[in-house]
Amino acid sequence: MTALLTDNLPLLAGAPNGIKKLRELILELAVRGKLVAQDPSDEPASELLKRIAEEKARLVAEGKLKKQKALAEITEEEKPFGLPEGWCWASLNEIAAMRGGSTPSMSKSEFWDGDIPWVSPKDMHDGDITDSELKVTQLALDKTSLELVPIGSILLVGRSGILKRKLPAQITAVPCTINQDLKAISPFQPQPSDYVQLMLRGTERVILKEDVKQGTTVQSLVYDKLFVRPFGLPPLAEQHRIAAKVDELMTLCDRLETQQADAESAQAQLVQALLDSLTQASDATDFATNWQRLAEHFHTLFTTEPSIDALKQTLLQLAVMGKLVPQDPSDEPASELLKRIAQEKERLVAVGKIRKQKPLAEIGDNEKSFELPAGWAWQRFADFALDVSTGPFGSLIHQSDYVEGGVPLVNPSHMIDGRIVPDHSVSLSLEMAGTLDSYRLSAGDMVMARRGEVGRVALVTDSEDGWLCGTGSFVLRFTQEVSRAYIWTLFRCNSIRTYLAGAAVGTTMVNLNHGILLKMPTAVPPLAEQHRIVAKIDQLMALCDQLKTRLTQARQLNEQLAGTLVEQAVA
């Protein structure tokens, strides 16, 4: 069975959450007797149970243990799977003593600052116990319900969600006391603790998952059910072999995780370096050389979702740098478009539709982050847009103004993938909306998040015409000529988002200043090239999405194959 695991490690580890599932499979096989071979010369587990019963009887006779009620025979219906030769069914009550914990009164200083560790769930990490911060005195043991838990005992957390995070931990250093959230399982000699501990760690905590009850606020273990639940007990010699094999395979899983993490990190660095070589190319020849290098290894580089996302970002960056589509000398230069935008702004100012904007400083060479292609122009965002206005102050809208089914407000949470996703529960009464007419949106406007994820934008369509700009948004207006799809491309770039986020302020809520956006240096392409860029981006993003779909399908196939192997291993 071990050969089946090791021979198929790449497949099992490569499945989604593969190494985690591989660890669970190892434990599942261990407690079913399928991880190591049985040895006919091993003393059967039934003899081990007889010696444990003798040890229990001795402790009862010496007054060190209360006599237990006779345990019911394990029925066939209670046995979840068949056992190998030499194994037998047992319960925790048969092989171990159970101890509870408590917390001595904190107000009695004589109970604390002693030298006896007092362990709580926070002291349990990855199946081990760290040195506890709190220690009790011998007086606390003498005067309270605390018990000293011996070395070799296994601690179990009884409350969820701690239950889901904390592995059963073994006491290996010194005897200790425990708090009320823990239960100690102390195996009788000669039963070792290692096997009991790994048994309790089995797939999805196989011994525990049916022994949880739901309280009013948290889930908790029903210990009485857990302690009588049957489990497969191997011969003592096989327990040692199983524990050694589990340690060996878990170490192998650790190495696989490290190798995977190193490989993923190396791949991410390589992908980013090759993608950066495109955006940093000094000329067309350099770009072509770097692209050829990338293209030769395309199918080995872009094999993860993060690598495909990085590719998407690079394509967007190339688009707004003028490196994604060729320039056409016959295109009208961007400077002519900007002249018409300026003329339209003057007309709107003259008729009182927008406010006159203060002149902004020329863009300095230090603000130009790359060299522009022919026909492009650097311009402040304020001069590329017709108008940029801020949504209403929060003080203008009160909680009582919100109604169901009124005039919707568009806030950053409604801007998804360039579109507005309506939420009619965030809306104002008609009367209140009438006082905010200056914030009313029209089809063709764009809204932009100025709080939280600053730079997120969405297009206002006919469906949202007449809605209101929310308090956390900007309204961006452009001439009819400007491609809204290109504006969305622009604001999807990490470089733009980083610029805006770096200029935003606020500790609890990031907030972008209106003036920062107006001053943003913007590379403006000719109008015809804007449309070519959008068409190419749409095409390339669709290809990237296809890559992701194929990746998902390959992972699903890998998961199915791994699942078949797991079923074969457990069957």
Protein backbone atom coordinates (compact mmCIF):
# COMPACT_ATOMS: atom_id res chain seq x y z
CA MET A 1 0.00 0.00 0.00
CA THR A 2 2.91 2.34 0.76
CA ALA A 3 4.21 1.69 -2.77
CA LEU A 4 0.83 2.78 -4.18
CA LEU A 5 1.23 6.07 -2.33
CA THR A 6 4.87 6.76 -3.16
CA ASP A 7 4.56 5.69 -6.82
CA ASN A 8 1.75 8.19 -7.33
CA LEU A 9 2.99 11.05 -5.18
CA PRO A 10 3.23 13.60 -8.04
CA LEU A 11 -0.40 12.92 -9.02
CA LEU A 12 -1.70 12.98 -5.45
CA ALA A 13 0.31 16.06 -4.43
CA GLY A 14 -0.61 17.89 -7.65
CA ALA A 15 -4.36 17.65 -7.05
CA PRO A 16 -6.12 20.69 -5.50
CA ASN A 17 -5.14 20.74 -1.80
CA GLY A 18 -3.25 17.60 -2.73
CA ILE A 19 -0.69 17.46 0.07
CA LYS A 20 -3.33 18.17 2.71
CA LYS A 21 -5.44 15.34 1.30
CA LEU A 22 -2.37 13.12 1.10
CA ARG A 23 -1.74 13.63 4.82
CA GLU A 24 -5.36 12.73 5.55
CA LEU A 25 -5.07 9.61 3.37
CA ILE A 26 -1.92 8.48 5.20
CA LEU A 27 -3.73 8.73 8.54
CA GLU A 28 -6.83 7.01 7.15
CA LEU A 29 -4.78 4.10 5.83
CA ALA A 30 -2.89 3.91 9.12
CA VAL A 31 -6.01 3.46 11.28
CA ARG A 32 -7.49 0.93 8.82
CA GLY A 33 -4.41 -1.30 8.86
CA LYS A 34 -3.54 -0.59 5.22
CA LEU A 35 -0.34 1.43 5.64
CA VAL A 36 2.13 -1.29 6.68
CA ALA A 37 2.12 -5.04 6.19
CA GLN A 38 0.86 -7.29 8.97
CA ASP A 39 3.35 -9.71 10.55
CA PRO A 40 1.84 -13.13 11.51
CA SER A 41 4.39 -13.39 14.32
CA ASP A 42 3.02 -10.27 16.07
CA GLU A 43 1.19 -10.88 19.31
CA PRO A 44 -2.50 -10.15 18.49
CA ALA A 45 -4.14 -7.02 19.87
CA SER A 46 -6.52 -9.16 21.94
CA GLU A 47 -3.55 -10.11 24.17
CA LEU A 48 -2.67 -6.43 24.55
CA LEU A 49 -6.25 -5.72 25.70
CA LYS A 50 -5.96 -8.50 28.31
CA ARG A 51 -2.80 -6.93 29.78
CA ILE A 52 -4.42 -3.47 29.76
CA ALA A 53 -7.41 -4.96 31.64
CA GLU A 54 -5.02 -6.40 34.23
CA GLU A 55 -3.33 -3.00 34.63
CA LYS A 56 -6.74 -1.30 35.11
CA ALA A 57 -7.73 -3.88 37.75
CA ARG A 58 -4.48 -3.24 39.65
CA LEU A 59 -5.02 0.53 39.64
CA VAL A 60 -8.62 0.09 40.85
CA ALA A 61 -7.42 -2.22 43.63
CA GLU A 62 -4.84 0.36 44.72
CA GLY A 63 -7.49 3.11 44.76
CA LYS A 64 -5.78 5.03 41.93
CA LEU A 65 -8.68 4.57 39.50
CA LYS A 66 -12.45 4.43 39.85
CA LYS A 67 -14.04 1.19 38.74
CA GLN A 68 -15.75 1.62 35.37
CA LYS A 69 -19.16 0.36 34.45
CA ALA A 70 -19.02 -2.74 32.27
CA LEU A 71 -18.80 -1.74 28.62
CA ALA A 72 -21.34 -3.05 26.13
CA GLU A 73 -20.18 -5.45 23.45
CA ILE A 74 -19.38 -3.76 20.10
CA THR A 75 -22.06 -4.77 17.61
CA GLU A 76 -21.48 -5.54 13.93
CA GLU A 77 -23.41 -2.37 12.99
CA GLU A 78 -20.92 -0.26 14.96
CA LYS A 79 -17.91 -1.58 13.03
CA PRO A 80 -17.28 0.87 10.14
CA PHE A 81 -14.84 -1.35 8.19
CA GLY A 82 -13.17 -4.75 8.22
CA LEU A 83 -10.05 -5.24 10.32
CA PRO A 84 -6.78 -6.95 9.30
CA GLU A 85 -5.60 -10.17 10.92
CA GLY A 86 -4.41 -9.63 14.49
CA TRP A 87 -6.39 -6.43 15.05
CA CYS A 88 -9.46 -6.10 17.26
CA TRP A 89 -12.14 -3.54 18.00
CA ALA A 90 -11.71 -1.42 21.12
CA SER A 91 -12.77 1.92 22.59
CA LEU A 92 -10.88 4.71 24.30
CA ASN A 93 -12.61 3.81 27.59
CA GLU A 94 -11.01 0.36 27.38
CA ILE A 95 -7.45 1.50 26.82
CA ALA A 96 -7.19 4.85 28.62
CA ALA A 97 -8.19 6.86 31.68
CA MET A 98 -10.01 10.13 31.06
CA ARG A 99 -9.34 13.34 32.97
CA GLY A 100 -11.05 16.70 32.84
CA GLY A 101 -9.64 20.11 33.62
CA SER A 102 -10.62 23.25 35.48
CA THR A 103 -9.50 26.79 36.28
CA PRO A 104 -8.61 27.58 39.89
CA SER A 105 -9.88 30.90 41.23
CA MET A 106 -7.81 33.72 39.77
CA SER A 107 -8.49 35.79 42.89
CA LYS A 108 -6.53 33.36 45.06
CA SER A 109 -2.89 34.22 44.48
CA GLU A 110 -1.74 31.16 46.45
CA PHE A 111 -2.99 28.97 43.57
CA TRP A 112 -0.83 30.68 40.92
CA ASP A 113 2.81 31.38 40.00
CA GLY A 114 3.86 27.89 41.00
CA ASP A 115 5.95 25.39 39.02
CA ILE A 116 3.22 23.03 37.68
CA PRO A 117 2.23 23.88 34.06
CA TRP A 118 -1.45 24.73 33.50
CA VAL A 119 -2.19 24.03 29.82
CA SER A 120 -4.99 25.64 27.77
CA PRO A 121 -5.81 25.31 24.03
CA LYS A 122 -3.56 28.25 23.14
CA ASP A 123 -0.57 26.19 24.31
CA MET A 124 -1.28 23.46 21.70
CA HIS A 125 0.46 23.78 18.34
CA ASP A 126 0.70 21.18 15.54
CA GLY A 127 0.20 18.25 17.88
CA ASP A 128 2.73 19.47 20.46
CA ILE A 129 2.49 21.51 23.66
CA THR A 130 4.51 24.68 24.13
CA ASP A 131 5.62 25.87 27.54
CA SER A 132 2.50 27.29 29.20
CA GLU A 133 2.62 30.88 30.43
CA LEU A 134 0.51 30.09 33.50
CA LYS A 135 1.59 27.68 36.24
CA VAL A 136 -0.20 26.55 39.39
CA THR A 137 1.01 25.61 42.84
CA GLN A 138 0.82 22.31 44.70
CA LEU A 139 -1.82 23.95 46.89
CA ALA A 140 -4.05 24.39 43.81
CA LEU A 141 -3.77 20.63 43.22
CA ASP A 142 -4.59 19.87 46.84
CA LYS A 143 -7.48 22.32 47.28
CA THR A 144 -9.25 22.29 43.88
CA SER A 145 -10.57 19.75 41.37
CA LEU A 146 -7.36 19.96 39.32
CA GLU A 147 -5.64 16.65 38.52
CA LEU A 148 -2.05 16.06 37.52
CA VAL A 149 -2.01 14.69 33.97
CA PRO A 150 0.88 12.22 33.40
CA ILE A 151 3.45 12.22 30.60
CA GLY A 152 2.19 10.31 27.56
CA SER A 153 -1.36 11.65 27.89
CA ILE A 154 -3.07 13.14 24.85
CA LEU A 155 -4.94 16.43 25.17
CA LEU A 156 -8.12 17.03 23.20
CA VAL A 157 -9.90 20.34 22.74
CA GLY A 158 -13.61 20.10 23.39
CA ARG A 159 -14.88 23.28 21.74
CA SER A 160 -15.28 24.36 18.10
CA GLY A 161 -13.86 26.29 16.20
CA ILE A 162 -10.77 25.60 18.38
CA LEU A 163 -11.61 21.95 17.81
CA LYS A 164 -11.02 22.40 14.07
CA ARG A 165 -7.69 24.20 14.51
CA LYS A 166 -5.96 22.27 17.27
CA LEU A 167 -4.60 18.77 16.71
CA PRO A 168 -4.63 16.33 19.62
CA ALA A 169 -1.38 17.06 21.48
CA GLN A 170 0.78 14.68 23.51
CA ILE A 171 2.38 15.59 26.84
CA THR A 172 6.04 14.62 26.43
CA ALA A 173 8.05 16.81 28.85
CA VAL A 174 6.57 17.03 32.35
CA PRO A 175 3.20 16.22 33.98
CA CYS A 176 0.78 19.15 33.86
CA THR A 177 -2.70 20.35 34.72
CA ILE A 178 -5.30 21.43 32.14
CA ASN A 179 -8.13 23.91 31.88
CA GLN A 180 -11.82 23.12 31.42
CA ASP A 181 -11.68 23.32 27.60
CA LEU A 182 -9.46 20.24 27.45
CA LYS A 183 -9.83 16.55 28.14
CA ALA A 184 -6.83 14.30 28.82
CA ILE A 185 -6.66 10.74 27.48
CA SER A 186 -4.05 8.74 29.43
CA PRO A 187 -3.42 5.32 27.82
CA PHE A 188 -2.86 2.43 30.24
CA GLN A 189 0.45 0.63 29.96
CA PRO A 190 1.70 -1.08 27.87
CA GLN A 191 -0.37 0.80 25.27
CA PRO A 192 1.83 3.58 23.76
CA SER A 193 0.45 7.08 23.11
CA ASP A 194 1.78 7.63 19.59
CA TYR A 195 -0.75 5.40 17.87
CA VAL A 196 -3.69 6.79 19.88
CA GLN A 197 -2.65 10.32 18.95
CA LEU A 198 -2.40 9.64 15.22
CA MET A 199 -5.69 7.70 15.35
CA LEU A 200 -7.41 10.83 16.70
CA ARG A 201 -5.91 12.84 13.85
CA GLY A 202 -7.44 10.57 11.16
CA THR A 203 -9.22 11.87 8.04
CA GLU A 204 -11.55 14.73 9.06
CA ARG A 205 -10.96 13.53 12.64
CA VAL A 206 -12.84 10.33 11.74
CA ILE A 207 -13.23 9.40 15.41
CA LEU A 208 -14.62 12.84 16.29
CA LYS A 209 -16.80 14.12 13.50
CA GLU A 210 -19.99 12.38 14.64
CA ASP A 211 -19.41 13.24 18.30
CA VAL A 212 -20.08 16.97 18.15
CA LYS A 213 -23.16 18.73 19.46
CA GLN A 214 -24.33 22.23 18.57
CA GLY A 215 -24.83 24.59 21.50
CA THR A 216 -26.34 28.07 21.42
CA THR A 217 -23.06 29.71 20.38
CA VAL A 218 -20.40 26.99 19.88
CA GLN A 219 -20.07 23.33 19.07
CA SER A 220 -18.62 20.95 21.61
CA LEU A 221 -17.53 17.33 21.87
CA VAL A 222 -19.84 14.78 23.43
CA TYR A 223 -17.14 12.90 25.30
CA ASP A 224 -19.41 10.06 26.45
CA LYS A 225 -20.09 9.18 22.80
CA LEU A 226 -16.50 9.65 21.72
CA PHE A 227 -15.00 7.45 24.42
CA VAL A 228 -17.17 4.43 23.60
CA ARG A 229 -16.89 4.75 19.81
CA PRO A 230 -15.12 1.66 18.40
CA PHE A 231 -11.78 1.93 16.63
CA GLY A 232 -9.38 -0.63 15.20
CA LEU A 233 -6.61 -1.56 17.64
CA PRO A 234 -3.47 -3.07 16.03
CA PRO A 235 -1.00 -5.42 17.69
CA LEU A 236 1.53 -3.50 19.80
CA ALA A 237 4.42 -4.24 17.42
CA GLU A 238 2.38 -3.02 14.44
CA GLN A 239 1.47 0.17 16.31
CA HIS A 240 5.17 1.00 16.46
CA ARG A 241 5.63 0.20 12.76
CA ILE A 242 2.60 2.35 11.85
CA ALA A 243 3.81 5.31 13.93
CA ALA A 244 7.28 5.10 12.32
CA LYS A 245 5.79 4.89 8.80
CA VAL A 246 3.45 7.83 9.45
CA ASP A 247 6.42 9.92 10.66
CA GLU A 248 8.39 8.94 7.54
CA LEU A 249 5.53 9.82 5.15
CA MET A 250 4.63 13.06 6.95
CA THR A 251 8.28 14.12 6.64
CA LEU A 252 8.03 13.33 2.92
CA CYS A 253 4.89 15.53 2.76
CA ASP A 254 6.83 18.32 4.50
CA ARG A 255 9.52 18.07 1.83
CA LEU A 256 6.93 18.06 -0.95
CA GLU A 257 5.33 21.20 0.49
CA THR A 258 8.70 22.92 0.67
CA GLN A 259 9.57 21.87 -2.89
CA GLN A 260 6.17 23.03 -4.15
CA ALA A 261 6.49 26.38 -2.38
CA ASP A 262 10.04 26.86 -3.72
CA ALA A 263 8.99 25.85 -7.25
CA GLU A 264 5.94 28.14 -7.18
CA SER A 265 8.04 31.04 -5.89
CA ALA A 266 10.73 30.46 -8.52
CA GLN A 267 8.14 30.20 -11.28
CA ALA A 268 6.40 33.40 -10.13
CA GLN A 269 9.71 35.27 -10.10
CA LEU A 270 10.64 33.96 -13.55
CA VAL A 271 7.23 34.82 -15.02
CA GLN A 272 7.35 38.32 -13.55
CA ALA A 273 10.91 38.90 -14.78
CA LEU A 274 10.00 37.85 -18.34
CA LEU A 275 6.80 39.93 -18.29
CA ASP A 276 8.69 42.94 -16.94
CA SER A 277 11.13 42.61 -19.82
CA LEU A 278 8.23 43.42 -22.16
CA THR A 279 7.11 46.58 -20.37
CA GLN A 280 10.74 47.70 -19.94
CA ALA A 281 11.83 47.05 -23.53
CA SER A 282 13.82 49.99 -24.87
CA ASP A 283 12.66 49.70 -28.48
CA ALA A 284 10.71 47.53 -30.92
CA THR A 285 13.66 45.19 -31.52
CA ASP A 286 14.21 44.66 -27.81
CA PHE A 287 10.48 44.04 -27.34
CA ALA A 288 10.39 41.48 -30.17
CA THR A 289 13.38 39.62 -28.71
CA ASN A 290 11.85 39.51 -25.22
CA TRP A 291 8.48 38.42 -26.59
CA GLN A 292 10.09 35.58 -28.55
CA ARG A 293 11.81 34.37 -25.36
CA LEU A 294 8.48 34.37 -23.55
CA ALA A 295 6.55 32.74 -26.41
CA GLU A 296 8.98 29.80 -26.61
CA HIS A 297 8.10 28.76 -23.05
CA PHE A 298 4.52 30.02 -22.90
CA HIS A 299 2.88 26.69 -22.03
CA THR A 300 5.34 25.90 -19.24
CA LEU A 301 5.25 29.38 -17.71
CA PHE A 302 1.52 30.09 -17.52
CA THR A 303 0.33 27.04 -15.64
CA THR A 304 -1.15 28.68 -12.53
CA GLU A 305 -3.90 31.21 -11.93
CA PRO A 306 -1.45 33.78 -10.46
CA SER A 307 0.77 33.51 -13.56
CA ILE A 308 -2.23 34.05 -15.86
CA ASP A 309 -3.34 37.03 -13.73
CA ALA A 310 0.18 38.45 -14.04
CA LEU A 311 -0.05 38.00 -17.83
CA LYS A 312 -3.35 39.88 -17.87
CA GLN A 313 -1.82 42.77 -15.94
CA THR A 314 1.13 42.93 -18.31
CA LEU A 315 -1.20 43.03 -21.33
CA LEU A 316 -3.10 45.92 -19.75
CA GLN A 317 0.14 47.75 -19.00
CA LEU A 318 1.40 47.23 -22.56
CA ALA A 319 -1.94 48.55 -23.82
CA VAL A 320 -1.72 51.86 -21.96
CA MET A 321 1.95 52.26 -22.93
CA GLY A 322 1.17 51.94 -26.65
CA LYS A 323 3.00 48.62 -27.00
CA LEU A 324 0.08 46.28 -27.58
CA VAL A 325 -1.06 47.29 -31.09
CA PRO A 326 0.95 48.98 -33.86
CA GLN A 327 0.58 52.69 -34.42
CA ASP A 328 -0.99 53.84 -37.69
CA PRO A 329 0.63 57.00 -39.14
CA SER A 330 -2.73 57.92 -40.70
CA ASP A 331 -4.42 58.17 -37.26
CA GLU A 332 -5.38 61.66 -36.15
CA PRO A 333 -2.94 62.44 -33.27
CA ALA A 334 -4.21 62.58 -29.71
CA SER A 335 -3.39 66.31 -29.56
CA GLU A 336 -6.33 67.00 -31.91
CA LEU A 337 -8.70 65.01 -29.70
CA LEU A 338 -7.47 66.94 -26.67
CA LYS A 339 -8.13 70.26 -28.47
CA ARG A 340 -11.74 69.25 -29.09
CA ILE A 341 -12.12 68.15 -25.46
CA ALA A 342 -10.82 71.58 -24.35
CA GLN A 343 -13.29 73.36 -26.67
CA GLU A 344 -16.20 71.32 -25.34
CA LYS A 345 -15.19 72.08 -21.76
CA GLU A 346 -15.16 75.82 -22.54
CA ARG A 347 -18.66 75.55 -24.00
CA LEU A 348 -20.00 73.71 -20.95
CA VAL A 349 -18.42 76.25 -18.62
CA ALA A 350 -20.00 79.08 -20.63
CA VAL A 351 -23.51 77.61 -20.31
CA GLY A 352 -23.00 76.83 -16.61
CA LYS A 353 -22.99 73.04 -16.95
CA ILE A 354 -19.58 72.59 -15.29
CA ARG A 355 -17.31 74.76 -13.19
CA LYS A 356 -14.21 76.36 -14.63
CA GLN A 357 -11.16 74.42 -13.61
CA LYS A 358 -8.01 75.97 -12.20
CA PRO A 359 -5.04 75.63 -14.61
CA LEU A 360 -2.75 72.76 -13.69
CA ALA A 361 1.04 72.72 -14.03
CA GLU A 362 2.60 71.21 -17.14
CA ILE A 363 3.61 67.56 -16.76
CA GLY A 364 7.30 67.45 -15.89
CA ASP A 365 9.74 64.93 -17.36
CA ASN A 366 10.03 63.25 -13.95
CA GLU A 367 6.28 62.47 -14.10
CA LYS A 368 6.48 60.75 -17.48
CA SER A 369 6.96 57.10 -16.59
CA PHE A 370 7.65 55.89 -20.14
CA GLU A 371 8.34 57.21 -23.63
CA LEU A 372 5.23 57.74 -25.72
CA PRO A 373 4.69 56.30 -29.20
CA ALA A 374 4.08 58.60 -32.14
CA GLY A 375 0.67 60.26 -32.06
CA TRP A 376 0.19 59.91 -28.28
CA ALA A 377 0.23 62.79 -25.79
CA TRP A 378 0.80 63.26 -22.07
CA GLN A 379 -2.06 65.12 -20.38
CA ARG A 380 -3.38 65.64 -16.88
CA PHE A 381 -6.46 63.49 -16.29
CA ALA A 382 -8.44 66.69 -15.62
CA ASP A 383 -7.82 67.77 -19.23
CA PHE A 384 -8.64 64.36 -20.68
CA ALA A 385 -12.00 64.21 -18.91
CA LEU A 386 -14.75 66.78 -19.35
CA ASP A 387 -15.51 66.78 -15.64
CA VAL A 388 -14.64 64.93 -12.45
CA SER A 389 -17.04 65.48 -9.56
CA THR A 390 -17.37 64.01 -6.09
CA GLY A 391 -20.43 62.30 -4.67
CA PRO A 392 -22.40 63.96 -1.87
CA PHE A 393 -20.88 64.33 1.59
CA GLY A 394 -22.11 61.76 4.08
CA SER A 395 -23.63 64.52 6.20
CA LEU A 396 -26.11 65.26 3.40
CA ILE A 397 -27.75 61.83 3.74
CA HIS A 398 -29.12 60.42 7.00
CA GLN A 399 -30.13 56.90 7.89
CA SER A 400 -33.79 57.88 7.81
CA ASP A 401 -33.46 58.95 4.14
CA TYR A 402 -32.87 55.37 2.95
CA VAL A 403 -35.86 53.46 1.62
CA GLU A 404 -36.49 50.21 -0.23
CA GLY A 405 -37.05 50.57 -3.98
CA GLY A 406 -36.26 54.29 -4.20
CA VAL A 407 -33.63 56.03 -6.36
CA PRO A 408 -30.47 53.87 -6.09
CA LEU A 409 -27.12 55.23 -4.95
CA VAL A 410 -24.03 53.89 -6.71
CA ASN A 411 -21.27 53.06 -4.23
CA PRO A 412 -17.92 51.29 -4.78
CA SER A 413 -19.40 47.89 -3.79
CA HIS A 414 -21.76 48.13 -6.79
CA MET A 415 -18.90 48.43 -9.33
CA ILE A 416 -18.13 44.91 -10.58
CA ASP A 417 -16.04 44.18 -13.71
CA GLY A 418 -16.75 47.57 -15.27
CA ARG A 419 -20.51 47.34 -14.74
CA ILE A 420 -22.89 48.55 -12.06
CA VAL A 421 -24.53 45.72 -10.14
CA PRO A 422 -27.75 47.19 -8.76
CA ASP A 423 -28.67 47.10 -5.10
CA HIS A 424 -32.07 48.70 -4.74
CA SER A 425 -31.91 48.41 -0.96
CA VAL A 426 -29.35 51.26 -0.99
CA SER A 427 -31.68 53.92 -2.31
CA LEU A 428 -33.24 57.24 -1.36
CA SER A 429 -36.80 58.48 -1.34
CA LEU A 430 -37.91 60.53 -4.36
CA GLU A 431 -38.13 63.63 -2.19
CA MET A 432 -34.58 63.21 -0.87
CA ALA A 433 -33.24 62.34 -4.34
CA GLY A 434 -34.74 65.59 -5.62
CA THR A 435 -32.45 67.56 -3.29
CA LEU A 436 -29.40 65.79 -4.78
CA ASP A 437 -30.07 66.48 -8.49
CA SER A 438 -26.52 67.69 -9.03
CA TYR A 439 -25.29 64.17 -8.25
CA ARG A 440 -27.62 62.47 -10.76
CA LEU A 441 -25.96 60.12 -13.25
CA SER A 442 -26.50 59.96 -17.02
CA ALA A 443 -25.86 57.14 -19.48
CA GLY A 444 -22.26 57.39 -20.68
CA ASP A 445 -20.94 58.68 -17.33
CA MET A 446 -18.46 56.53 -15.45
CA VAL A 447 -18.36 56.12 -11.69
CA MET A 448 -15.13 55.48 -9.81
CA ALA A 449 -14.45 54.29 -6.27
CA ARG A 450 -12.74 56.91 -4.14
CA ARG A 451 -12.93 54.83 -0.96
CA GLY A 452 -11.64 51.35 -0.26
CA GLU A 453 -10.42 49.87 -3.57
CA VAL A 454 -9.73 53.23 -5.16
CA GLY A 455 -9.68 53.30 -8.96
CA ARG A 456 -12.40 50.73 -9.53
CA VAL A 457 -14.66 52.08 -12.32
CA ALA A 458 -17.96 51.17 -13.97
CA LEU A 459 -19.97 52.51 -16.91
CA VAL A 460 -23.39 54.04 -16.38
CA THR A 461 -25.75 52.53 -18.98
CA ASP A 462 -29.34 53.38 -19.92
CA SER A 463 -30.48 51.09 -17.10
CA GLU A 464 -28.80 53.28 -14.49
CA ASP A 465 -29.67 56.64 -16.08
CA GLY A 466 -31.08 58.90 -13.36
CA TRP A 467 -29.47 57.05 -10.45
CA LEU A 468 -27.36 58.97 -7.92
CA CYS A 469 -23.63 58.99 -7.30
CA GLY A 470 -22.93 57.60 -3.83
CA THR A 471 -20.85 59.25 -1.11
CA GLY A 472 -17.84 57.00 -1.78
CA SER A 473 -17.68 57.60 -5.55
CA PHE A 474 -16.53 60.02 -8.24
CA VAL A 475 -18.39 60.76 -11.46
CA LEU A 476 -16.17 60.86 -14.55
CA ARG A 477 -17.57 62.50 -17.70
CA PHE A 478 -15.99 62.44 -21.14
CA THR A 479 -16.86 63.64 -24.64
CA GLN A 480 -18.79 61.17 -26.79
CA GLU A 481 -15.61 60.49 -28.76
CA VAL A 482 -13.58 59.04 -25.88
CA SER A 483 -13.82 55.24 -25.61
CA ARG A 484 -15.29 54.30 -22.24
CA ALA A 485 -13.93 50.80 -22.71
CA TYR A 486 -10.45 52.31 -23.00
CA ILE A 487 -10.99 54.24 -19.75
CA TRP A 488 -11.88 50.95 -18.07
CA THR A 489 -8.70 49.41 -19.52
CA LEU A 490 -6.71 52.33 -18.11
CA PHE A 491 -8.07 51.96 -14.59
CA ARG A 492 -7.62 48.20 -14.53
CA CYS A 493 -3.84 48.68 -14.69
CA ASN A 494 -2.01 48.01 -11.46
CA SER A 495 0.29 50.96 -12.18
CA ILE A 496 -2.70 53.33 -12.15
CA ARG A 497 -4.26 51.65 -9.11
CA THR A 498 -0.90 51.82 -7.30
CA TYR A 499 -0.53 55.52 -8.14
CA LEU A 500 -4.00 56.30 -6.81
CA ALA A 501 -3.73 54.07 -3.74
CA GLY A 502 -0.37 55.62 -2.87
CA ALA A 503 -1.92 59.07 -2.99
CA ALA A 504 -4.97 58.03 -0.95
CA VAL A 505 -5.08 58.76 2.76
CA GLY A 506 -6.83 57.31 5.79
CA THR A 507 -6.12 54.68 8.43
CA THR A 508 -9.44 52.82 8.68
CA MET A 509 -10.94 53.81 5.32
CA VAL A 510 -8.69 54.64 2.36
CA ASN A 511 -9.94 57.84 0.73
CA LEU A 512 -8.75 59.36 -2.56
CA ASN A 513 -8.51 63.13 -2.80
CA HIS A 514 -10.31 64.68 -5.79
CA GLY A 515 -7.27 66.82 -6.66
CA ILE A 516 -4.93 63.81 -6.88
CA LEU A 517 -7.03 62.24 -9.60
CA LEU A 518 -7.21 65.52 -11.53
CA LYS A 519 -3.41 65.85 -11.51
CA MET A 520 -2.73 62.24 -12.59
CA PRO A 521 -0.42 62.15 -15.65
CA THR A 522 -2.24 60.22 -18.38
CA ALA A 523 -0.89 58.85 -21.65
CA VAL A 524 -3.62 59.59 -24.21
CA PRO A 525 -3.69 57.52 -27.44
CA PRO A 526 -5.23 58.66 -30.73
CA LEU A 527 -8.95 57.93 -30.80
CA ALA A 528 -8.63 55.25 -33.51
CA GLU A 529 -5.94 53.50 -31.51
CA GLN A 530 -8.10 53.52 -28.40
CA HIS A 531 -10.60 51.35 -30.26
CA ARG A 532 -7.87 49.03 -31.62
CA ILE A 533 -6.46 48.63 -28.11
CA VAL A 534 -9.88 47.74 -26.67
CA ALA A 535 -10.50 45.17 -29.41
CA LYS A 536 -7.10 43.56 -28.84
CA ILE A 537 -7.52 43.55 -25.04
CA ASP A 538 -10.92 41.87 -25.39
CA GLN A 539 -9.39 39.22 -27.63
CA LEU A 540 -6.37 38.57 -25.38
CA MET A 541 -8.37 38.55 -22.14
CA ALA A 542 -10.70 35.96 -23.67
CA LEU A 543 -7.64 33.81 -24.46
CA CYS A 544 -6.41 34.20 -20.87
CA ASP A 545 -9.82 33.14 -19.61
CA GLN A 546 -9.63 30.08 -21.87
CA LEU A 547 -6.23 29.28 -20.34
CA LYS A 548 -7.80 29.45 -16.89
CA THR A 549 -10.69 27.22 -17.98
CA ARG A 550 -8.27 24.61 -19.33
CA LEU A 551 -6.26 24.86 -16.12
CA THR A 552 -9.42 24.28 -14.09
CA GLN A 553 -10.39 21.32 -16.27
CA ALA A 554 -6.90 19.81 -15.90
CA ARG A 555 -7.10 20.23 -12.13
CA GLN A 556 -10.52 18.60 -12.04
CA LEU A 557 -9.18 15.65 -14.03
CA ASN A 558 -6.17 15.45 -11.71
CA GLU A 559 -8.52 15.53 -8.72
CA GLN A 560 -10.66 12.74 -10.20
CA LEU A 561 -7.60 10.58 -10.84
CA ALA A 562 -6.29 11.27 -7.34
CA GLY A 563 -9.73 10.46 -5.93
CA THR A 564 -9.74 7.13 -7.77
CA LEU A 565 -6.33 6.32 -6.30
CA VAL A 566 -7.56 7.22 -2.82
CA GLU A 567 -10.63 4.98 -3.23
CA GLN A 568 -8.36 2.17 -4.45
CA ALA A 569 -6.07 2.67 -1.46
CA VAL A 570 -8.88 2.68 1.12
CA ALA A 571 -11.00 -0.07 -0.48
